Amino acid sequence: MSPMRLIPEARRPQTDIGMRYRSDDWIRNILSIPRSYLLRRIKSHLLFDQIVCILTLLARKKLGWTWLSIPLLGHNLLGSFLGLLIVFRTNSGYARFADGRSYWAKVSSTCRCLALESVSHMRPYAPKASEEFERLLLAFPDVLAYTCLAGNKKARLPPFEWELLYGKEVVSDSDHVLLDPCTVILHKMHKCLYNASYEHTSDKRLFDLHLVSMGEEVNHLSDALSGCLKIIDTPVPLSYSRHTSRFLTIWCGILPLAIAPDLGWLAVPLMMTVSWLLYGLEEIGHLIEQPFVPVTDKPSYLISDDVMDDDRASKTQPFDIGLPICSVAEKVRVEVEKILKMK
C-alpha cells in the first residue's frame, strides 16, 4: 500500500450544516410571503398606506385636484434621514440579540467547566456536597431560561425545581418568592462549595484551590444572569422608537403625493412594495429587541401546553425572530448531564 494512502483525505467543512438560511430557498421564501408572520404584524400599516394612495389617485382623477402633490426631490431628501433612523433602530435590536446569544454561550461554557471540575476534583473527595452541587448545576439552565422569559405566561418551572430551590413549601411562582430563582440557585451553589471544603479534611491546599476556581466559575454564571436581566429590563430608548415610527408613518403617508402625478395607478403596487420593505425592517428591529422567546421544535416542560395565547411564540419557528431559549437551555442541560454521568 502506498504511504500516501495512509494519510486521511482532507475534507473541506460543509457550510450548510446546522440551522441556517440557504440561498437556494428563495422560491419557498417568495411563495411564503402571504403566510409571513412579519406581514401579519404590519398589515394595518400597509392597509392604511394603500387607502391613502387610492384616495389620492381618486381625488386627482375624479375630482380634478391636480394640486394634490409634493415635489419628489424634497421627499427623497427626507428618505435619506429616514434610512439612517431605521438602520440604527434595527442595529440596536440586533445588538441585543447578539448579546443574548453571547451570554448563553458563556453559560454553556461555564456549565461545561463546572461539570468537568465537579466530576474530576469535587466528587471524589466531597461526594455529599458534589451531589447537591450537580443537582443545582443541572437546574441552572432551566432556571435562567425561566428568568429570561419573565412575563410570558407560557413559561413555567416544574415543581421539582421549585422544591430544589425553595423547599416543599413553594411549588410555583404564584407563591410568595422573595428572591429571583437564579439568585437563589447561585447562592446554593456557593454554599455547596463552602460545605465541600469542610467535608474533605486531607490535602486541603490543593482541594481548596479547585474550590476557589469553581467559585469563580459560579460568579461567571452570575455575570451572564446580569447580562440577560439587562436585556429584559432595559429597552431601546422609547423616544427613539417613537420618533422613528412617527417619521416612517408620515413619510410613507405622503409618498403617494410625490409619486401619483408621474405614475398614476402604478403608484398603488409601488406603494405596497415600499411600505412592506420599510415597515418590515422597523418591525424586525422591534421583534429582536427582546430576543428570548419560548419557541421550540419539540415538547418542553418549560412551556405550558394548556395555555393558548396569541403571542409571537405560537406563530414562528426557532430562530425566526429570536433565541428559542427553551431549546438552548435544554442543550446545555443535556450536555451537563452527559458529563456528570462519566465515570
Protein backbone atom coordinates (compact mmCIF):
# COMPACT_ATOMS: atom_id res chain seq x y z
CA MET A 1 0.00 0.00 0.00
CA SER A 2 1.31 3.42 -0.89
CA PRO A 3 2.29 5.56 2.10
CA MET A 4 0.11 8.35 0.73
CA ARG A 5 -2.96 6.16 1.19
CA LEU A 6 -2.38 6.12 4.95
CA ILE A 7 -2.90 9.89 5.16
CA PRO A 8 -6.58 10.69 5.60
CA GLU A 9 -8.06 12.74 2.82
CA ALA A 10 -8.56 16.37 3.76
CA ARG A 11 -12.18 17.42 3.68
CA ARG A 12 -13.50 20.91 3.41
CA PRO A 13 -16.11 21.86 6.02
CA GLN A 14 -19.69 21.87 4.84
CA THR A 15 -21.19 25.31 5.29
CA ASP A 16 -24.79 24.12 5.09
CA ILE A 17 -24.56 22.01 8.26
CA GLY A 18 -26.74 23.33 11.06
CA MET A 19 -29.77 25.56 11.22
CA ARG A 20 -29.21 28.47 8.88
CA TYR A 21 -30.64 30.23 5.85
CA ARG A 22 -29.92 28.65 2.47
CA SER A 23 -29.66 30.79 -0.64
CA ASP A 24 -31.47 28.17 -2.72
CA ASP A 25 -34.62 28.62 -0.59
CA TRP A 26 -35.54 31.80 -2.46
CA ILE A 27 -38.52 30.25 -4.24
CA ARG A 28 -40.00 28.99 -0.97
CA ASN A 29 -39.37 32.39 0.64
CA ILE A 30 -41.27 34.21 -2.13
CA LEU A 31 -44.21 31.78 -2.06
CA SER A 32 -44.49 32.00 1.73
CA ILE A 33 -44.95 35.79 1.81
CA PRO A 34 -48.76 35.57 2.32
CA ARG A 35 -48.15 33.39 5.42
CA SER A 36 -45.40 35.63 6.79
CA TYR A 37 -45.70 36.44 10.48
CA LEU A 38 -43.97 39.74 9.83
CA LEU A 39 -46.55 40.65 7.18
CA ARG A 40 -49.37 39.98 9.64
CA ARG A 41 -47.72 42.28 12.17
CA ILE A 42 -47.55 45.24 9.76
CA LYS A 43 -50.75 44.67 7.77
CA SER A 44 -52.60 47.58 9.40
CA HIS A 45 -49.84 49.95 8.34
CA LEU A 46 -49.88 48.60 4.79
CA LEU A 47 -53.66 48.88 4.58
CA PHE A 48 -53.59 52.49 5.78
CA ASP A 49 -50.98 53.50 3.18
CA GLN A 50 -52.89 51.76 0.40
CA ILE A 51 -56.08 53.61 1.33
CA VAL A 52 -54.22 56.94 1.32
CA CYS A 53 -52.70 56.12 -2.06
CA ILE A 54 -56.04 55.14 -3.64
CA LEU A 55 -57.83 58.19 -2.20
CA THR A 56 -55.10 60.45 -3.57
CA LEU A 57 -55.43 58.96 -7.04
CA LEU A 58 -59.22 59.19 -6.98
CA ALA A 59 -59.06 62.82 -5.88
CA ARG A 60 -56.73 63.65 -8.75
CA LYS A 61 -58.59 61.64 -11.39
CA LYS A 62 -62.25 62.14 -10.41
CA LEU A 63 -62.26 65.48 -8.61
CA GLY A 64 -59.50 67.13 -10.61
CA TRP A 65 -57.42 68.00 -7.57
CA THR A 66 -54.16 68.15 -9.51
CA TRP A 67 -52.68 70.40 -6.86
CA LEU A 68 -52.62 67.38 -4.53
CA SER A 69 -48.88 66.70 -4.89
CA ILE A 70 -45.49 67.48 -3.35
CA PRO A 71 -42.04 67.74 -5.02
CA LEU A 72 -40.34 64.37 -5.36
CA LEU A 73 -36.92 65.88 -4.63
CA GLY A 74 -37.91 67.05 -1.16
CA HIS A 75 -39.43 63.66 -0.35
CA ASN A 76 -36.22 61.92 -1.45
CA LEU A 77 -34.15 64.14 0.86
CA LEU A 78 -36.31 63.14 3.81
CA GLY A 79 -35.89 59.48 2.81
CA SER A 80 -32.12 59.69 3.37
CA PHE A 81 -32.61 60.69 7.01
CA LEU A 82 -35.30 58.04 7.45
CA GLY A 83 -32.89 55.36 6.24
CA LEU A 84 -30.40 56.35 8.94
CA LEU A 85 -33.08 56.11 11.62
CA ILE A 86 -34.25 52.66 10.52
CA VAL A 87 -30.70 51.31 10.22
CA PHE A 88 -29.83 52.49 13.71
CA ARG A 89 -33.08 51.09 15.12
CA THR A 90 -32.53 47.69 13.53
CA ASN A 91 -28.86 47.57 14.57
CA SER A 92 -29.85 48.37 18.15
CA GLY A 93 -32.27 45.45 18.15
CA TYR A 94 -29.74 43.06 16.59
CA ALA A 95 -27.09 44.10 19.13
CA ARG A 96 -29.42 42.89 21.89
CA PHE A 97 -29.94 39.59 20.04
CA ALA A 98 -26.17 39.18 19.69
CA ASP A 99 -25.69 39.98 23.38
CA GLY A 100 -28.27 37.36 24.37
CA ARG A 101 -26.54 34.77 22.22
CA SER A 102 -23.16 35.66 23.77
CA TYR A 103 -24.48 35.40 27.32
CA TRP A 104 -25.92 31.96 26.68
CA ALA A 105 -22.68 30.85 25.02
CA LYS A 106 -20.94 31.91 28.23
CA VAL A 107 -23.47 29.94 30.28
CA SER A 108 -22.85 26.84 28.14
CA SER A 109 -19.07 27.12 28.50
CA THR A 110 -19.22 27.79 32.24
CA CYS A 111 -21.64 24.94 32.96
CA ARG A 112 -19.41 22.59 30.99
CA CYS A 113 -16.35 23.65 33.01
CA LEU A 114 -18.19 23.29 36.31
CA ALA A 115 -19.45 19.83 35.40
CA LEU A 116 -15.94 18.67 34.46
CA GLU A 117 -14.43 20.14 37.62
CA SER A 118 -17.12 18.59 39.79
CA VAL A 119 -16.56 15.14 38.31
CA SER A 120 -12.75 15.37 38.43
CA HIS A 121 -11.98 17.31 41.62
CA MET A 122 -15.04 17.59 43.84
CA ARG A 123 -16.90 14.29 43.60
CA PRO A 124 -14.01 12.00 44.72
CA TYR A 125 -13.34 13.99 47.92
CA ALA A 126 -16.68 15.58 48.83
CA PRO A 127 -19.40 13.30 47.43
CA LYS A 128 -22.22 14.71 49.54
CA ALA A 129 -21.61 18.33 48.59
CA SER A 130 -20.91 17.45 44.98
CA GLU A 131 -24.21 15.60 44.66
CA GLU A 132 -26.14 18.70 45.74
CA PHE A 133 -23.95 20.94 43.58
CA GLU A 134 -24.54 18.83 40.48
CA ARG A 135 -28.31 18.88 41.01
CA LEU A 136 -28.19 22.67 41.14
CA LEU A 137 -25.93 22.83 38.09
CA LEU A 138 -28.38 20.70 36.11
CA ALA A 139 -31.24 23.00 37.07
CA PHE A 140 -29.45 26.27 36.31
CA PRO A 141 -30.09 26.39 32.52
CA ASP A 142 -33.82 25.84 33.09
CA VAL A 143 -33.98 28.47 35.82
CA LEU A 144 -32.11 31.02 33.69
CA ALA A 145 -34.43 30.31 30.75
CA TYR A 146 -37.41 30.89 33.05
CA THR A 147 -35.89 34.20 34.14
CA CYS A 148 -35.28 35.22 30.52
CA LEU A 149 -38.96 34.57 29.77
CA ALA A 150 -40.14 36.75 32.65
CA GLY A 151 -43.65 37.96 31.99
CA ASN A 152 -44.51 35.38 29.34
CA LYS A 153 -47.49 33.35 30.51
CA LYS A 154 -46.31 30.23 28.68
CA ALA A 155 -43.13 29.94 30.72
CA ARG A 156 -43.03 27.73 33.79
CA LEU A 157 -40.72 25.72 36.00
CA PRO A 158 -41.58 22.16 37.05
CA PRO A 159 -42.45 21.61 40.74
CA PHE A 160 -39.31 19.54 41.41
CA GLU A 161 -37.09 22.53 40.52
CA TRP A 162 -39.13 24.89 42.70
CA GLU A 163 -38.75 22.39 45.52
CA LEU A 164 -34.98 22.19 44.90
CA LEU A 165 -34.66 25.95 45.28
CA TYR A 166 -37.22 26.90 47.93
CA GLY A 167 -38.21 23.66 49.62
CA LYS A 168 -41.52 21.84 49.64
CA GLU A 169 -43.45 24.90 50.78
CA VAL A 170 -43.03 26.69 47.41
CA VAL A 171 -44.09 24.74 44.33
CA SER A 172 -44.83 27.55 41.84
CA ASP A 173 -44.16 31.20 41.15
CA SER A 174 -47.65 32.05 42.40
CA ASP A 175 -46.38 31.58 45.94
CA HIS A 176 -44.53 34.35 47.75
CA VAL A 177 -41.00 34.19 46.32
CA LEU A 178 -38.81 36.90 47.80
CA LEU A 179 -35.70 36.32 45.67
CA ASP A 180 -35.19 35.57 41.99
CA PRO A 181 -34.76 31.81 41.33
CA CYS A 182 -31.40 32.32 39.57
CA THR A 183 -30.01 34.26 42.51
CA VAL A 184 -31.18 31.53 44.87
CA ILE A 185 -29.54 28.80 42.84
CA LEU A 186 -26.24 30.71 42.67
CA HIS A 187 -26.33 31.18 46.45
CA LYS A 188 -26.91 27.46 46.97
CA MET A 189 -24.04 26.58 44.61
CA HIS A 190 -21.64 28.76 46.61
CA LYS A 191 -22.95 27.16 49.79
CA CYS A 192 -22.20 23.69 48.39
CA LEU A 193 -18.61 24.74 47.67
CA TYR A 194 -18.33 26.04 51.24
CA ASN A 195 -19.65 22.75 52.64
CA ALA A 196 -17.28 20.75 50.41
CA SER A 197 -14.27 22.47 51.97
CA TYR A 198 -15.30 21.10 55.38
CA GLU A 199 -16.33 17.69 54.09
CA HIS A 200 -12.80 16.98 52.84
CA THR A 201 -10.09 17.26 55.50
CA SER A 202 -6.89 15.94 53.87
CA ASP A 203 -4.85 17.62 51.09
CA LYS A 204 -6.76 20.80 51.85
CA ARG A 205 -4.46 23.17 50.00
CA LEU A 206 -4.92 21.70 46.51
CA PHE A 207 -8.60 20.88 47.05
CA ASP A 208 -9.40 24.40 48.25
CA LEU A 209 -7.64 25.76 45.18
CA HIS A 210 -10.04 23.81 42.97
CA LEU A 211 -12.99 25.06 45.02
CA VAL A 212 -11.84 28.65 44.54
CA SER A 213 -11.64 28.05 40.78
CA MET A 214 -15.18 26.63 40.81
CA GLY A 215 -16.39 29.61 42.83
CA GLU A 216 -15.06 31.95 40.13
CA GLU A 217 -16.91 29.95 37.50
CA VAL A 218 -20.13 30.31 39.51
CA ASN A 219 -19.53 34.06 39.50
CA HIS A 220 -19.32 33.89 35.71
CA LEU A 221 -22.83 32.46 35.72
CA SER A 222 -23.86 35.45 37.82
CA ASP A 223 -22.36 37.76 35.19
CA ALA A 224 -24.39 36.03 32.46
CA LEU A 225 -27.53 36.39 34.59
CA SER A 226 -26.89 40.13 34.94
CA GLY A 227 -26.44 40.44 31.19
CA CYS A 228 -29.72 38.66 30.47
CA LEU A 229 -31.54 40.82 33.03
CA LYS A 230 -30.09 43.91 31.34
CA ILE A 231 -31.71 42.85 28.07
CA ILE A 232 -35.03 42.07 29.75
CA ASP A 233 -35.30 45.18 31.91
CA THR A 234 -33.84 47.94 29.70
CA PRO A 235 -35.38 48.50 26.24
CA VAL A 236 -34.00 50.63 23.43
CA PRO A 237 -34.85 54.27 24.39
CA LEU A 238 -38.56 54.59 23.77
CA SER A 239 -38.30 58.15 22.45
CA TYR A 240 -36.07 56.89 19.66
CA SER A 241 -38.53 54.15 18.73
CA ARG A 242 -41.47 56.55 18.80
CA HIS A 243 -39.67 59.16 16.69
CA THR A 244 -38.69 56.53 14.09
CA SER A 245 -42.26 55.21 13.94
CA ARG A 246 -43.72 58.70 13.56
CA PHE A 247 -41.24 59.71 10.88
CA LEU A 248 -41.81 56.48 8.94
CA THR A 249 -45.60 56.78 9.14
CA ILE A 250 -45.57 60.37 7.88
CA TRP A 251 -43.01 59.65 5.14
CA CYS A 252 -44.98 56.70 3.76
CA GLY A 253 -48.25 58.57 4.22
CA ILE A 254 -47.18 61.43 1.94
CA LEU A 255 -45.37 59.20 -0.57
CA PRO A 256 -48.49 58.92 -2.79
CA LEU A 257 -48.46 62.73 -3.17
CA ALA A 258 -44.94 62.50 -4.61
CA ILE A 259 -45.36 59.55 -6.99
CA ALA A 260 -49.02 59.76 -8.06
CA PRO A 261 -48.56 62.63 -10.59
CA ASP A 262 -45.94 60.66 -12.54
CA LEU A 263 -47.01 57.02 -12.10
CA GLY A 264 -50.79 57.16 -11.92
CA TRP A 265 -52.30 53.85 -10.84
CA LEU A 266 -48.86 52.21 -10.91
CA ALA A 267 -48.31 54.05 -7.64
CA VAL A 268 -50.52 51.50 -5.85
CA PRO A 269 -48.22 48.44 -6.23
CA LEU A 270 -45.15 50.63 -5.73
CA MET A 271 -46.66 51.98 -2.52
CA MET A 272 -47.35 48.45 -1.29
CA THR A 273 -43.77 47.36 -2.00
CA VAL A 274 -42.10 50.37 -0.37
CA SER A 275 -44.31 50.18 2.72
CA TRP A 276 -43.71 46.44 3.08
CA LEU A 277 -39.92 46.91 2.92
CA LEU A 278 -39.69 49.83 5.35
CA TYR A 279 -42.29 48.74 7.88
CA GLY A 280 -40.86 45.22 7.78
CA LEU A 281 -37.38 46.48 8.66
CA GLU A 282 -38.74 48.54 11.53
CA GLU A 283 -40.78 45.61 12.85
CA ILE A 284 -37.78 43.27 12.73
CA GLY A 285 -35.95 45.72 14.98
CA HIS A 286 -38.88 45.65 17.43
CA LEU A 287 -39.11 41.85 17.41
CA ILE A 288 -35.43 41.07 18.03
CA GLU A 289 -35.17 43.75 20.70
CA GLN A 290 -36.47 41.07 23.10
CA PRO A 291 -34.53 38.03 21.80
CA PHE A 292 -35.78 35.45 24.32
CA VAL A 293 -38.90 33.66 23.06
CA PRO A 294 -40.50 30.36 24.20
CA VAL A 295 -40.23 28.74 20.77
CA THR A 296 -39.20 25.10 20.47
CA ASP A 297 -39.36 22.41 17.82
CA LYS A 298 -40.24 19.71 20.37
CA PRO A 299 -42.17 19.49 23.64
CA SER A 300 -40.53 21.06 26.67
CA TYR A 301 -41.63 21.12 30.29
CA LEU A 302 -40.55 24.78 30.37
CA ILE A 303 -43.55 25.71 28.20
CA SER A 304 -47.12 25.23 29.34
CA ASP A 305 -49.20 23.31 26.80
CA ASP A 306 -52.58 24.24 28.25
CA VAL A 307 -52.15 27.98 27.64
CA MET A 308 -53.40 29.12 24.24
CA ASP A 309 -52.35 32.72 23.78
CA ASP A 310 -51.92 34.83 20.67
CA ASP A 311 -48.23 35.65 21.04
CA ARG A 312 -45.29 35.57 18.68
CA ALA A 313 -44.07 32.23 20.05
CA SER A 314 -47.09 30.32 18.72
CA LYS A 315 -46.71 31.60 15.15
CA THR A 316 -42.97 31.37 14.48
CA GLN A 317 -40.24 28.78 14.15
CA PRO A 318 -36.98 28.53 16.15
CA PHE A 319 -34.55 31.38 15.41
CA ASP A 320 -37.08 33.24 13.22
CA ILE A 321 -37.27 36.28 15.48
CA GLY A 322 -35.08 35.43 18.46
CA LEU A 323 -33.44 32.72 20.52
CA PRO A 324 -35.57 29.62 21.24
CA ILE A 325 -34.50 29.84 24.81
CA CYS A 326 -36.09 26.58 25.96
CA SER A 327 -34.23 24.59 23.30
CA VAL A 328 -30.97 26.39 24.09
CA ALA A 329 -31.37 25.65 27.80
CA GLU A 330 -32.15 22.00 27.08
CA LYS A 331 -28.97 21.60 25.01
CA VAL A 332 -26.88 22.98 27.85
CA ARG A 333 -28.63 20.76 30.40
CA VAL A 334 -28.24 17.60 28.29
CA GLU A 335 -24.52 18.23 27.81
CA VAL A 336 -24.02 18.78 31.53
CA GLU A 337 -25.98 15.62 32.29
CA LYS A 338 -23.75 13.57 29.96
CA ILE A 339 -20.62 14.93 31.62
CA LEU A 340 -21.90 14.14 35.09
CA LYS A 341 -22.55 10.54 34.06
CA MET A 342 -18.90 10.00 33.24
CA LYS A 343 -17.03 7.59 35.49
